[in-house]
C-alpha atoms as a PDB file:
ATOM      1  CA  UNK A   1      60.775 112.615 -76.282  1.00  0.00           C
ATOM      2  CA  UNK A   2      62.537 110.076 -73.823  1.00  0.00           C
ATOM      3  CA  UNK A   3      60.150 108.505 -71.585  1.00  0.00           C
ATOM      4  CA  UNK A   4      61.301 106.045 -68.508  1.00  0.00           C
ATOM      5  CA  UNK A   5      58.644 103.137 -67.709  1.00  0.00           C
ATOM      6  CA  UNK A   6      60.545 102.738 -64.612  1.00  0.00           C
ATOM      7  CA  UNK A   7      59.180 105.852 -63.157  1.00  0.00           C
ATOM      8  CA  UNK A   8      55.551 104.837 -63.419  1.00  0.00           C
ATOM      9  CA  UNK A   9      54.425 102.358 -60.315  1.00  0.00           C
ATOM     10  CA  UNK A  10      53.962  98.914 -60.825  1.00  0.00           C
ATOM     11  CA  UNK A  11      50.385  98.913 -59.997  1.00  0.00           C
ATOM     12  CA  UNK A  12      49.538 101.720 -62.542  1.00  0.00           C
ATOM     13  CA  UNK A  13      51.246  99.591 -65.394  1.00  0.00           C
ATOM     14  CA  UNK A  14      49.397  96.633 -64.366  1.00  0.00           C
ATOM     15  CA  UNK A  15      46.070  98.585 -64.316  1.00  0.00           C
ATOM     16  CA  UNK A  16      46.957 100.248 -67.730  1.00  0.00           C
ATOM     17  CA  UNK A  17      47.616  96.521 -69.012  1.00  0.00           C
ATOM     18  CA  UNK A  18      44.001  95.270 -67.705  1.00  0.00           C
ATOM     19  CA  UNK A  19      42.437  98.016 -69.180  1.00  0.00           C
ATOM     20  CA  UNK A  20      43.899  97.861 -72.650  1.00  0.00           C
ATOM     21  CA  UNK A  21      43.178  94.000 -72.724  1.00  0.00           C
ATOM     22  CA  UNK A  22      39.489  94.978 -71.936  1.00  0.00           C
ATOM     23  CA  UNK A  23      39.159  97.491 -74.396  1.00  0.00           C
ATOM     24  CA  UNK A  24      40.497  95.058 -77.197  1.00  0.00           C
ATOM     25  CA  UNK A  25      38.266  92.204 -75.949  1.00  0.00           C
ATOM     26  CA  UNK A  26      35.168  94.697 -75.894  1.00  0.00           C
ATOM     27  CA  UNK A  27      36.251  95.732 -79.656  1.00  0.00           C
ATOM     28  CA  UNK A  28      36.310  92.322 -80.548  1.00  0.00           C
ATOM     29  CA  UNK A  29      33.308  90.893 -79.042  1.00  0.00           C
ATOM     30  CA  UNK A  30      31.163  93.852 -80.481  1.00  0.00           C
ATOM     31  CA  UNK A  31      32.775  93.576 -83.841  1.00  0.00           C
ATOM     32  CA  UNK A  32      32.150  89.875 -84.331  1.00  0.00           C
ATOM     33  CA  UNK A  33      28.667  90.290 -83.163  1.00  0.00           C
ATOM     34  CA  UNK A  34      27.965  93.390 -85.485  1.00  0.00           C
ATOM     35  CA  UNK A  35      29.591  91.030 -88.357  1.00  0.00           C
ATOM     36  CA  UNK A  36      27.083  88.203 -87.414  1.00  0.00           C
ATOM     37  CA  UNK A  37      23.899  90.420 -86.903  1.00  0.00           C
ATOM     38  CA  UNK A  38      21.457  90.771 -89.842  1.00  0.00           C
ATOM     39  CA  UNK A  39      20.942  94.664 -90.688  1.00  0.00           C
ATOM     40  CA  UNK A  40      17.374  94.461 -89.606  1.00  0.00           C
ATOM     41  CA  UNK A  41      18.598  93.744 -85.930  1.00  0.00           C
ATOM     42  CA  UNK A  42      20.687  96.500 -85.669  1.00  0.00           C
ATOM     43  CA  UNK A  43      19.686  99.893 -84.729  1.00  0.00           C
ATOM     44  CA  UNK A  44      19.555 102.646 -87.599  1.00  0.00           C
ATOM     45  CA  UNK A  45      19.853  99.613 -89.980  1.00  0.00           C
ATOM     46  CA  UNK A  46      23.584 100.656 -90.935  1.00  0.00           C
ATOM     47  CA  UNK A  47      26.466  98.857 -89.998  1.00  0.00           C
ATOM     48  CA  UNK A  48      29.141 101.089 -90.732  1.00  0.00           C
ATOM     49  CA  UNK A  49      27.389 103.685 -88.120  1.00  0.00           C
ATOM     50  CA  UNK A  50      28.187 101.007 -85.455  1.00  0.00           C
ATOM     51  CA  UNK A  51      31.425 100.298 -86.570  1.00  0.00           C
ATOM     52  CA  UNK A  52      32.583 103.813 -86.417  1.00  0.00           C
ATOM     53  CA  UNK A  53      31.069 104.296 -83.012  1.00  0.00           C
ATOM     54  CA  UNK A  54      32.870 101.138 -81.670  1.00  0.00           C
ATOM     55  CA  UNK A  55      36.059 101.658 -82.838  1.00  0.00           C
ATOM     56  CA  UNK A  56      36.366 105.592 -82.443  1.00  0.00           C
ATOM     57  CA  UNK A  57      34.644 105.870 -78.811  1.00  0.00           C
ATOM     58  CA  UNK A  58      36.721 104.173 -76.622  1.00  0.00           C
ATOM     59  CA  UNK A  59      35.480 101.320 -74.128  1.00  0.00           C
ATOM     60  CA  UNK A  60      32.375 103.358 -74.246  1.00  0.00           C
ATOM     61  CA  UNK A  61      31.594 102.569 -77.785  1.00  0.00           C
ATOM     62  CA  UNK A  62      31.359  98.898 -77.615  1.00  0.00           C
ATOM     63  CA  UNK A  63      29.524  98.827 -74.396  1.00  0.00           C
ATOM     64  CA  UNK A  64      26.946 101.342 -76.530  1.00  0.00           C
ATOM     65  CA  UNK A  65      26.675  98.951 -79.166  1.00  0.00           C
ATOM     66  CA  UNK A  66      26.093  95.956 -77.081  1.00  0.00           C
ATOM     67  CA  UNK A  67      23.642  97.556 -74.994  1.00  0.00           C
ATOM     68  CA  UNK A  68      21.483  99.728 -77.171  1.00  0.00           C
ATOM     69  CA  UNK A  69      22.165  98.983 -80.640  1.00  0.00           C
ATOM     70  CA  UNK A  70      21.105  95.146 -80.873  1.00  0.00           C
ATOM     71  CA  UNK A  71      17.431  94.256 -81.488  1.00  0.00           C
ATOM     72  CA  UNK A  72      16.033  91.008 -80.577  1.00  0.00           C
ATOM     73  CA  UNK A  73      15.256  88.591 -83.318  1.00  0.00           C
ATOM     74  CA  UNK A  74      11.483  88.899 -84.285  1.00  0.00           C
ATOM     75  CA  UNK A  75       9.780  85.487 -84.743  1.00  0.00           C
ATOM     76  CA  UNK A  76       8.308  84.755 -88.150  1.00  0.00           C
ATOM     77  CA  UNK A  77       4.651  84.575 -88.441  1.00  0.00           C
ATOM     78  CA  UNK A  78       3.576  80.651 -88.203  1.00  0.00           C
ATOM     79  CA  UNK A  79       7.043  79.803 -87.059  1.00  0.00           C
ATOM     80  CA  UNK A  80       7.150  77.291 -84.067  1.00  0.00           C
ATOM     81  CA  UNK A  81       8.833  78.685 -80.821  1.00  0.00           C
ATOM     82  CA  UNK A  82      12.353  77.261 -80.373  1.00  0.00           C
ATOM     83  CA  UNK A  83      12.154  73.957 -78.642  1.00  0.00           C
ATOM     84  CA  UNK A  84      13.184  73.985 -74.672  1.00  0.00           C
ATOM     85  CA  UNK A  85      16.609  73.350 -73.698  1.00  0.00           C
ATOM     86  CA  UNK A  86      15.529  70.692 -71.079  1.00  0.00           C
ATOM     87  CA  UNK A  87      14.157  68.637 -73.633  1.00  0.00           C
ATOM     88  CA  UNK A  88      17.391  69.164 -75.916  1.00  0.00           C
ATOM     89  CA  UNK A  89      19.459  68.196 -72.844  1.00  0.00           C
ATOM     90  CA  UNK A  90      17.370  65.420 -72.282  1.00  0.00           C
ATOM     91  CA  UNK A  91      17.963  64.008 -75.790  1.00  0.00           C
ATOM     92  CA  UNK A  92      21.794  64.739 -75.904  1.00  0.00           C
ATOM     93  CA  UNK A  93      21.702  62.425 -72.687  1.00  0.00           C
ATOM     94  CA  UNK A  94      19.892  59.569 -74.102  1.00  0.00           C
ATOM     95  CA  UNK A  95      22.143  59.689 -77.277  1.00  0.00           C
ATOM     96  CA  UNK A  96      24.985  59.599 -75.000  1.00  0.00           C
ATOM     97  CA  UNK A  97      23.855  57.145 -72.140  1.00  0.00           C
ATOM     98  CA  UNK A  98      20.792  55.578 -74.313  1.00  0.00           C
ATOM     99  CA  UNK A  99      16.727  55.826 -73.721  1.00  0.00           C
ATOM    100  CA  UNK A 100      15.876  55.567 -70.125  1.00  0.00           C
ATOM    101  CA  UNK A 101      13.586  53.165 -69.018  1.00  0.00           C
ATOM    102  CA  UNK A 102      10.962  54.939 -66.960  1.00  0.00           C
ATOM    103  CA  UNK A 103       9.999  52.034 -64.989  1.00  0.00           C
ATOM    104  CA  UNK A 104      10.218  51.859 -61.225  1.00  0.00           C
ATOM    105  CA  UNK A 105      13.394  49.921 -60.055  1.00  0.00           C
ATOM    106  CA  UNK A 106      13.052  49.000 -56.663  1.00  0.00           C
END
């Protein structure tokens, strides 16, 4: 089966390359997320089903996993909610530049 790639337009080859890179990137993102996510936060509580969906259902499989299969983390009863990001940013700024003096300077 001899196939000449020069017969395919350059635009079509570029589009095919972009789609192939997108497919691999989606697969990697979905599989890494699935690996890091606890079983309790995955729909159907079975990671092997989602591995098969991600790998066997091209392009739509990883999108389906990322959109549907991930459950949000449940906050444990009695646990404090996470600190707002603004206070975290302020503490980072304070550690980098020193504590702020809140007095008015004129």
